[in-house]
């Protein structure tokens, strides 16, 4: 089995994330795409993060009924902050017959040299890179890279949190189930 790993804080998960995950599930040889909810990204401040279990719940609501996508809490069991290489080592031990592929935006791929043991990632894993405007992939660093022209929306979790704080609608930016849960639980206010 081949699994695409789409890491993120998903704070909150939005339609843009889902479009990319679904595009990869439909247009690559991945049998499934796992949305890996990261409790703490070492390159991002944790002060604005909703509790990891609440973000996990929102992600599960967002993909409900989609057999091609799965939400993973694998990094909840590992030391914080979450480092991709450590997560992959753990996953390879837990699922020895599964091939894992990394899904990244071209902006994240350009920052790869800042990641822990990035050389091991480049040498040991396939990358599915979806292009983001202004972040052309000029150098693949010798990695096994496939560039994808996934449909992109100019939506960010930061903007969604800002709208919520301002009391504005987030309808159509997140799934209805996610929006209702955020509203009912008063998340991000």
Foldseek 3Di string as FASTA:
>chain_A
DEEEEAEDQCLPPWPQNVLVLVCCLPPDPHQAYEYENFQADPVDDNPQHDGSVLNQVLVCLQCPPPPRYHYDPQNVPPDPPDAPVVSVVVVCVVCVVYAYAYEEELVVQVVLVVGPPSVCCQPPHEYEYEYDPPRDCPDSVNRNYDYDPGDGDPDDSVVVLVCLVVVHDCPPGHDPSSRVVCVVVVPSD
